[in-house]
Amino acid sequence: MTDKELLDAAAKAAGVTAPWSEKAQAYRWPEGSEWVEWNPLVDDGDALRLVVKLGLLVSVHHESERMKAHVVVVTPHPHVDVTEPFGDAYAATRRAIVRAAAMLGDKQ
């Protein structure tokens, strides 16, 4: 699944209805006099908002010299468990969050 497909499914799960901006590589909508971009793959705040909106439980585990980001989805939906290995802990955690949200979005 491409990053765009992951974001589309995660946006669906989160109820994001803004249009996609190829230039910004994010969903984008006007808010007041500024444009707001939404891309939880690259923005920690967007990823955290996705966690809160969907009721995700995020747990980061350090396993024997190799770290993994582990996201468990605790919602009324079926249980989803996503593991993402990482070199960059923050990027991997954001990706695991988006992957888990995308799985929920695909079920809607």
N, C-alpha and C. Protein backbone atom coordinates (compact mmCIF):
# COMPACT_ATOMS: atom_id res chain seq x y z
N MET A 1 0.84 -1.17 0.00
CA MET A 1 0.00 0.00 0.00
C MET A 1 0.90 1.24 0.00
N THR A 2 0.60 2.18 -0.85
CA THR A 2 1.39 3.41 -0.92
C THR A 2 1.07 4.32 0.27
N ASP A 3 1.94 5.31 0.49
CA ASP A 3 1.69 6.27 1.56
C ASP A 3 0.36 6.99 1.33
N LYS A 4 0.06 7.34 0.09
CA LYS A 4 -1.19 8.04 -0.23
C LYS A 4 -2.39 7.15 0.10
N GLU A 5 -2.31 5.87 -0.24
CA GLU A 5 -3.40 4.94 0.07
C GLU A 5 -3.58 4.78 1.58
N LEU A 6 -2.46 4.71 2.31
CA LEU A 6 -2.53 4.64 3.77
C LEU A 6 -3.22 5.89 4.33
N LEU A 7 -2.81 7.06 3.83
CA LEU A 7 -3.39 8.32 4.30
C LEU A 7 -4.86 8.42 3.94
N ASP A 8 -5.24 7.96 2.75
CA ASP A 8 -6.65 7.98 2.35
C ASP A 8 -7.50 7.15 3.32
N ALA A 9 -7.04 5.94 3.64
CA ALA A 9 -7.80 5.07 4.54
C ALA A 9 -7.81 5.63 5.97
N ALA A 10 -6.68 6.20 6.42
CA ALA A 10 -6.63 6.80 7.75
C ALA A 10 -7.53 8.02 7.83
N ALA A 11 -7.54 8.82 6.77
CA ALA A 11 -8.42 10.00 6.72
C ALA A 11 -9.88 9.57 6.79
N LYS A 12 -10.22 8.51 6.10
CA LYS A 12 -11.59 7.99 6.14
C LYS A 12 -11.96 7.60 7.56
N ALA A 13 -11.07 6.89 8.24
CA ALA A 13 -11.33 6.47 9.62
C ALA A 13 -11.50 7.66 10.55
N ALA A 14 -10.73 8.73 10.29
CA ALA A 14 -10.76 9.91 11.16
C ALA A 14 -11.82 10.92 10.76
N GLY A 15 -12.49 10.69 9.64
CA GLY A 15 -13.51 11.63 9.19
C GLY A 15 -12.95 12.88 8.53
N VAL A 16 -11.71 12.80 8.06
CA VAL A 16 -11.10 13.94 7.36
C VAL A 16 -11.67 13.99 5.95
N THR A 17 -12.28 15.09 5.59
CA THR A 17 -12.92 15.21 4.28
C THR A 17 -12.27 16.28 3.42
N ALA A 18 -11.14 16.81 3.86
CA ALA A 18 -10.44 17.85 3.10
C ALA A 18 -9.88 17.28 1.80
N PRO A 19 -9.65 18.13 0.80
CA PRO A 19 -9.06 17.64 -0.45
C PRO A 19 -7.57 17.38 -0.29
N TRP A 20 -7.07 16.47 -1.11
CA TRP A 20 -5.64 16.13 -1.13
C TRP A 20 -4.90 17.17 -1.96
N SER A 21 -3.75 17.62 -1.48
CA SER A 21 -2.90 18.55 -2.21
C SER A 21 -1.64 17.82 -2.65
N GLU A 22 -1.49 17.63 -3.96
CA GLU A 22 -0.28 16.99 -4.48
C GLU A 22 0.96 17.80 -4.11
N LYS A 23 0.84 19.12 -4.23
CA LYS A 23 1.99 19.99 -3.95
C LYS A 23 2.43 19.86 -2.49
N ALA A 24 1.48 19.88 -1.56
CA ALA A 24 1.81 19.80 -0.14
C ALA A 24 2.01 18.36 0.33
N GLN A 25 1.54 17.38 -0.47
CA GLN A 25 1.55 15.97 -0.07
C GLN A 25 0.83 15.81 1.28
N ALA A 26 -0.34 16.45 1.36
CA ALA A 26 -1.15 16.42 2.58
C ALA A 26 -2.58 16.77 2.23
N TYR A 27 -3.49 16.44 3.12
CA TYR A 27 -4.85 16.96 2.98
C TYR A 27 -4.77 18.41 3.41
N ARG A 28 -5.54 19.27 2.74
CA ARG A 28 -5.38 20.69 2.97
C ARG A 28 -6.71 21.40 2.92
N TRP A 29 -6.96 22.27 3.90
CA TRP A 29 -8.18 23.04 3.89
C TRP A 29 -7.92 24.41 4.52
N PRO A 30 -8.68 25.41 4.12
CA PRO A 30 -8.49 26.75 4.69
C PRO A 30 -9.08 26.83 6.09
N GLU A 31 -8.34 27.47 6.97
CA GLU A 31 -8.83 27.73 8.32
C GLU A 31 -8.47 29.18 8.64
N GLY A 32 -9.47 30.02 8.61
CA GLY A 32 -9.20 31.45 8.77
C GLY A 32 -8.42 31.95 7.56
N SER A 33 -7.33 32.63 7.82
CA SER A 33 -6.53 33.17 6.71
C SER A 33 -5.36 32.26 6.36
N GLU A 34 -5.26 31.09 7.01
CA GLU A 34 -4.16 30.17 6.75
C GLU A 34 -4.67 28.83 6.22
N TRP A 35 -3.77 28.08 5.61
CA TRP A 35 -4.10 26.72 5.16
C TRP A 35 -3.61 25.75 6.22
N VAL A 36 -4.42 24.77 6.51
CA VAL A 36 -4.07 23.73 7.47
C VAL A 36 -3.79 22.45 6.68
N GLU A 37 -2.66 21.83 6.96
CA GLU A 37 -2.30 20.59 6.28
C GLU A 37 -2.40 19.44 7.28
N TRP A 38 -2.81 18.26 6.80
CA TRP A 38 -2.95 17.08 7.65
C TRP A 38 -2.21 15.93 6.99
N ASN A 39 -1.13 15.48 7.61
CA ASN A 39 -0.39 14.32 7.15
C ASN A 39 0.28 13.68 8.37
N PRO A 40 -0.40 12.73 9.02
CA PRO A 40 0.16 12.11 10.22
C PRO A 40 1.38 11.24 9.97
N LEU A 41 1.75 11.00 8.73
CA LEU A 41 2.99 10.28 8.47
C LEU A 41 4.22 11.15 8.73
N VAL A 42 4.04 12.47 8.66
CA VAL A 42 5.18 13.37 8.84
C VAL A 42 5.00 14.36 9.98
N ASP A 43 3.80 14.46 10.53
CA ASP A 43 3.54 15.45 11.57
C ASP A 43 3.13 14.76 12.88
N ASP A 44 3.93 14.94 13.93
CA ASP A 44 3.66 14.32 15.22
C ASP A 44 2.29 14.73 15.77
N GLY A 45 1.94 16.01 15.63
CA GLY A 45 0.65 16.49 16.14
C GLY A 45 -0.51 15.83 15.43
N ASP A 46 -0.42 15.70 14.11
CA ASP A 46 -1.48 15.04 13.35
C ASP A 46 -1.61 13.57 13.77
N ALA A 47 -0.46 12.92 14.00
CA ALA A 47 -0.49 11.51 14.43
C ALA A 47 -1.13 11.40 15.82
N LEU A 48 -0.80 12.33 16.72
CA LEU A 48 -1.39 12.28 18.06
C LEU A 48 -2.90 12.53 18.00
N ARG A 49 -3.32 13.48 17.15
CA ARG A 49 -4.75 13.73 17.00
C ARG A 49 -5.48 12.50 16.47
N LEU A 50 -4.82 11.75 15.58
CA LEU A 50 -5.39 10.52 15.05
C LEU A 50 -5.53 9.48 16.16
N VAL A 51 -4.52 9.37 17.02
CA VAL A 51 -4.57 8.45 18.16
C VAL A 51 -5.77 8.78 19.04
N VAL A 52 -5.93 10.07 19.36
CA VAL A 52 -7.02 10.49 20.25
C VAL A 52 -8.37 10.28 19.59
N LYS A 53 -8.49 10.70 18.34
CA LYS A 53 -9.76 10.60 17.61
C LYS A 53 -10.26 9.15 17.54
N LEU A 54 -9.32 8.22 17.30
CA LEU A 54 -9.71 6.82 17.10
C LEU A 54 -9.57 5.97 18.36
N GLY A 55 -9.08 6.56 19.44
CA GLY A 55 -8.93 5.81 20.68
C GLY A 55 -7.86 4.74 20.60
N LEU A 56 -6.75 5.05 19.93
CA LEU A 56 -5.67 4.07 19.79
C LEU A 56 -4.79 4.07 21.03
N LEU A 57 -4.27 2.92 21.37
CA LEU A 57 -3.31 2.81 22.45
C LEU A 57 -1.95 2.59 21.81
N VAL A 58 -1.00 3.48 22.08
CA VAL A 58 0.33 3.40 21.47
C VAL A 58 1.33 2.97 22.52
N SER A 59 2.07 1.95 22.20
CA SER A 59 3.09 1.44 23.10
C SER A 59 4.36 1.24 22.29
N VAL A 60 5.48 1.81 22.76
CA VAL A 60 6.76 1.65 22.06
C VAL A 60 7.62 0.70 22.89
N HIS A 61 8.01 -0.40 22.27
CA HIS A 61 8.81 -1.42 22.95
C HIS A 61 10.23 -1.42 22.42
N HIS A 62 11.17 -1.64 23.30
CA HIS A 62 12.58 -1.79 22.92
C HIS A 62 12.91 -3.26 23.09
N GLU A 63 13.19 -3.93 21.99
CA GLU A 63 13.43 -5.37 22.03
C GLU A 63 14.86 -5.68 21.63
N SER A 64 15.63 -6.22 22.53
CA SER A 64 16.99 -6.71 22.31
C SER A 64 17.75 -6.05 21.18
N GLU A 65 18.27 -4.88 21.44
CA GLU A 65 19.09 -4.14 20.48
C GLU A 65 18.31 -3.66 19.27
N ARG A 66 17.12 -4.16 19.06
CA ARG A 66 16.32 -3.74 17.91
C ARG A 66 15.00 -3.20 18.45
N MET A 67 14.68 -1.97 18.12
CA MET A 67 13.48 -1.38 18.66
C MET A 67 12.33 -1.53 17.68
N LYS A 68 11.13 -1.61 18.22
CA LYS A 68 9.94 -1.69 17.39
C LYS A 68 8.89 -0.74 17.95
N ALA A 69 8.15 -0.12 17.05
CA ALA A 69 6.99 0.66 17.47
C ALA A 69 5.80 -0.27 17.37
N HIS A 70 5.03 -0.32 18.41
CA HIS A 70 3.92 -1.26 18.47
C HIS A 70 2.65 -0.47 18.77
N VAL A 71 1.68 -0.54 17.90
CA VAL A 71 0.43 0.18 18.10
C VAL A 71 -0.70 -0.82 18.25
N VAL A 72 -1.44 -0.70 19.32
CA VAL A 72 -2.60 -1.54 19.55
C VAL A 72 -3.83 -0.65 19.46
N VAL A 73 -4.80 -1.05 18.67
CA VAL A 73 -6.03 -0.30 18.53
C VAL A 73 -7.06 -0.83 19.51
N VAL A 74 -7.50 0.04 20.41
CA VAL A 74 -8.52 -0.34 21.38
C VAL A 74 -9.74 0.52 21.09
N THR A 75 -10.65 -0.01 20.30
CA THR A 75 -11.87 0.69 19.91
C THR A 75 -13.00 -0.32 19.88
N PRO A 76 -14.23 0.11 19.63
CA PRO A 76 -15.32 -0.85 19.48
C PRO A 76 -15.14 -1.73 18.24
N HIS A 77 -14.22 -1.34 17.37
CA HIS A 77 -13.95 -2.11 16.15
C HIS A 77 -13.19 -3.38 16.50
N PRO A 78 -13.02 -4.28 15.58
CA PRO A 78 -12.19 -5.46 15.86
C PRO A 78 -10.77 -5.03 16.24
N HIS A 79 -10.16 -5.81 17.08
CA HIS A 79 -8.79 -5.54 17.56
C HIS A 79 -7.82 -5.54 16.39
N VAL A 80 -7.00 -4.51 16.31
CA VAL A 80 -5.96 -4.42 15.28
C VAL A 80 -4.64 -4.23 16.01
N ASP A 81 -3.65 -4.99 15.62
CA ASP A 81 -2.33 -4.94 16.24
C ASP A 81 -1.31 -4.71 15.13
N VAL A 82 -0.60 -3.59 15.20
CA VAL A 82 0.36 -3.24 14.16
C VAL A 82 1.75 -3.11 14.78
N THR A 83 2.74 -3.73 14.16
CA THR A 83 4.12 -3.60 14.60
C THR A 83 4.94 -3.00 13.47
N GLU A 84 5.74 -2.01 13.79
CA GLU A 84 6.56 -1.34 12.79
C GLU A 84 7.99 -1.26 13.31
N PRO A 85 8.96 -1.94 12.68
CA PRO A 85 10.36 -1.81 13.10
C PRO A 85 10.89 -0.42 12.76
N PHE A 86 11.89 0.04 13.50
CA PHE A 86 12.37 1.37 13.17
C PHE A 86 13.84 1.58 13.39
N GLY A 87 14.33 2.57 12.64
CA GLY A 87 15.62 3.18 12.86
C GLY A 87 15.31 4.53 13.52
N ASP A 88 14.34 5.25 12.96
CA ASP A 88 13.84 6.51 13.51
C ASP A 88 12.56 6.19 14.27
N ALA A 89 12.63 6.22 15.59
CA ALA A 89 11.50 5.83 16.43
C ALA A 89 10.26 6.67 16.17
N TYR A 90 10.43 7.96 15.92
CA TYR A 90 9.29 8.84 15.73
C TYR A 90 8.58 8.56 14.41
N ALA A 91 9.35 8.41 13.34
CA ALA A 91 8.76 8.11 12.03
C ALA A 91 8.05 6.76 12.05
N ALA A 92 8.66 5.77 12.69
CA ALA A 92 8.05 4.45 12.74
C ALA A 92 6.77 4.45 13.57
N THR A 93 6.75 5.23 14.65
CA THR A 93 5.55 5.30 15.47
C THR A 93 4.43 5.97 14.70
N ARG A 94 4.75 7.06 13.99
CA ARG A 94 3.72 7.73 13.16
C ARG A 94 3.19 6.76 12.11
N ARG A 95 4.09 6.02 11.45
CA ARG A 95 3.67 5.08 10.41
C ARG A 95 2.80 3.97 11.00
N ALA A 96 3.15 3.45 12.16
CA ALA A 96 2.35 2.41 12.79
C ALA A 96 0.96 2.94 13.13
N ILE A 97 0.88 4.17 13.60
CA ILE A 97 -0.42 4.79 13.90
C ILE A 97 -1.26 4.91 12.64
N VAL A 98 -0.65 5.39 11.55
CA VAL A 98 -1.39 5.55 10.29
C VAL A 98 -1.81 4.19 9.75
N ARG A 99 -0.94 3.18 9.84
CA ARG A 99 -1.30 1.84 9.37
C ARG A 99 -2.48 1.29 10.14
N ALA A 100 -2.49 1.46 11.47
CA ALA A 100 -3.60 0.98 12.29
C ALA A 100 -4.89 1.72 11.93
N ALA A 101 -4.80 3.03 11.77
CA ALA A 101 -5.97 3.82 11.38
C ALA A 101 -6.46 3.40 10.01
N ALA A 102 -5.55 3.15 9.09
CA ALA A 102 -5.92 2.73 7.74
C ALA A 102 -6.69 1.40 7.77
N MET A 103 -6.27 0.49 8.65
CA MET A 103 -6.99 -0.78 8.77
C MET A 103 -8.42 -0.54 9.24
N LEU A 104 -8.60 0.40 10.15
CA LEU A 104 -9.96 0.74 10.60
C LEU A 104 -10.73 1.42 9.48
N GLY A 105 -10.08 2.31 8.73
CA GLY A 105 -10.74 3.00 7.62
C GLY A 105 -11.17 2.04 6.53
N ASP A 106 -10.36 1.01 6.28
CA ASP A 106 -10.72 0.03 5.26
C ASP A 106 -11.94 -0.79 5.66
N LYS A 107 -12.22 -0.87 6.96
CA LYS A 107 -13.35 -1.66 7.44
C LYS A 107 -14.65 -0.84 7.45
N GLN A 108 -14.55 0.46 7.18
CA GLN A 108 -15.75 1.31 7.18
C GLN A 108 -16.45 1.26 5.86
